[in-house]
Protein backbone atom coordinates (compact mmCIF):
# COMPACT_ATOMS: atom_id res chain seq x y z
CA MET A 1 -3.53 -20.59 12.27
CA SER A 2 -1.15 -23.37 12.10
CA GLY A 3 -2.60 -26.72 12.25
CA ASN A 4 -6.13 -27.27 11.85
CA THR A 5 -7.79 -25.37 15.06
CA LYS A 6 -11.40 -26.46 13.88
CA GLU A 7 -10.24 -29.97 14.31
CA LYS A 8 -8.90 -29.40 17.74
CA ILE A 9 -12.03 -27.61 18.75
CA ALA A 10 -14.53 -30.26 17.39
CA VAL A 11 -15.54 -33.29 19.73
CA ARG A 12 -16.67 -36.87 19.07
CA ASN A 13 -20.55 -37.86 19.23
CA ASN A 14 -21.47 -41.31 20.40
CA ALA A 15 -20.70 -42.84 16.80
CA GLY A 16 -17.27 -41.70 17.12
CA LYS A 17 -17.65 -39.30 14.19
CA LYS A 18 -15.98 -35.81 14.95
CA THR A 19 -18.38 -32.80 14.81
CA PRO A 20 -18.23 -29.27 16.24
CA ALA A 21 -19.21 -28.95 19.74
CA ALA A 22 -22.81 -28.67 20.68
CA THR A 23 -22.56 -26.62 23.73
CA ALA A 24 -22.59 -22.63 23.41
CA PRO A 25 -18.94 -22.03 24.45
CA MET A 26 -17.51 -24.62 22.06
CA ALA A 27 -19.81 -23.55 19.42
CA ASN A 28 -18.84 -19.98 19.87
CA ALA A 29 -15.16 -21.34 19.75
CA TYR A 30 -15.55 -23.20 16.69
CA ALA A 31 -17.11 -20.24 14.95
CA ASN A 32 -14.19 -18.00 16.20
CA ALA A 33 -11.78 -20.27 14.76
CA THR A 34 -13.36 -20.20 11.51
CA VAL A 35 -13.61 -16.60 11.02
CA LEU A 36 -10.09 -16.25 12.29
CA GLU A 37 -9.03 -18.71 9.46
CA LYS A 38 -10.64 -16.75 7.11
CA ILE A 39 -9.24 -13.47 8.13
CA GLU A 40 -5.70 -14.85 8.29
CA ASN A 41 -6.47 -16.13 4.69
CA LEU A 42 -7.19 -12.64 3.71
CA ALA A 43 -4.34 -11.13 5.06
CA ALA A 44 -2.26 -13.19 3.37
CA THR A 45 -3.64 -12.68 0.29
CA PHE A 46 -3.29 -8.57 0.93
CA ARG A 47 0.28 -9.32 2.27
CA GLY A 48 1.20 -10.74 -1.02
CA ARG A 49 -0.55 -8.09 -3.03
CA TYR A 50 1.28 -5.23 -0.62
CA VAL A 51 4.95 -7.02 -1.37
CA ALA A 52 3.94 -7.25 -5.07
CA THR A 53 3.04 -3.41 -5.21
CA GLU A 54 6.02 -2.47 -3.38
CA LEU A 55 8.14 -4.33 -5.91
CA SER A 56 6.40 -2.95 -8.49
CA ALA A 57 6.70 0.86 -7.09
CA LYS A 58 10.58 -0.22 -6.43
CA LEU A 59 11.12 -1.18 -10.46
CA ASP A 60 9.34 1.89 -11.25
CA ARG A 61 11.50 4.07 -9.51
CA TYR A 62 14.56 2.04 -10.74
CA VAL A 63 13.48 2.37 -14.52
CA ALA A 64 12.50 6.09 -14.17
CA THR A 65 16.20 6.70 -12.72
CA GLU A 66 17.80 4.51 -15.51
CA HIS A 67 15.80 6.78 -17.72
CA ILE A 68 17.06 10.11 -16.20
CA HIS A 69 20.43 8.67 -16.24
CA GLY A 70 20.33 7.47 -19.84
CA LEU A 71 19.00 11.18 -20.82
CA VAL A 72 21.92 12.83 -18.92
CA GLU A 73 24.23 10.85 -20.92
CA LEU A 74 22.17 11.40 -24.37
CA GLY A 75 22.51 15.39 -23.47
CA ARG A 76 26.10 14.83 -22.63
CA TYR A 77 26.82 13.23 -26.01
CA VAL A 78 24.58 15.51 -28.06
CA ALA A 79 26.26 18.50 -26.51
CA THR A 80 29.71 17.20 -26.98
CA GLU A 81 28.68 16.33 -30.77
CA HIS A 82 27.35 19.91 -31.27
CA VAL A 83 30.72 21.75 -29.73
CA HIS A 84 32.74 19.57 -31.96
CA SER A 85 30.29 20.16 -35.34
CA SER A 86 30.44 23.74 -34.70
CA VAL A 87 34.31 23.89 -34.38
CA GLY A 88 34.58 22.42 -37.90
CA THR A 89 32.42 24.67 -39.92
């Protein structure tokens, strides 16, 4: 939630201090805002982990692809060297 929803829901008591509302509907709204804030924090945490996991998977695919390309090049080199060495003997 953008901003501090709990602060918006809190009410002032007679001493002028902000306290959570004492009425049932307002208390429920305060509790809901608290739970929603925790859920959003968890969602942000796992969203970050998901992005990191996706980047890791992409990097793994890239490294595997580069490894395969390297093996193909090595195979071409070995095949070429083998052909040249067999011609000379």
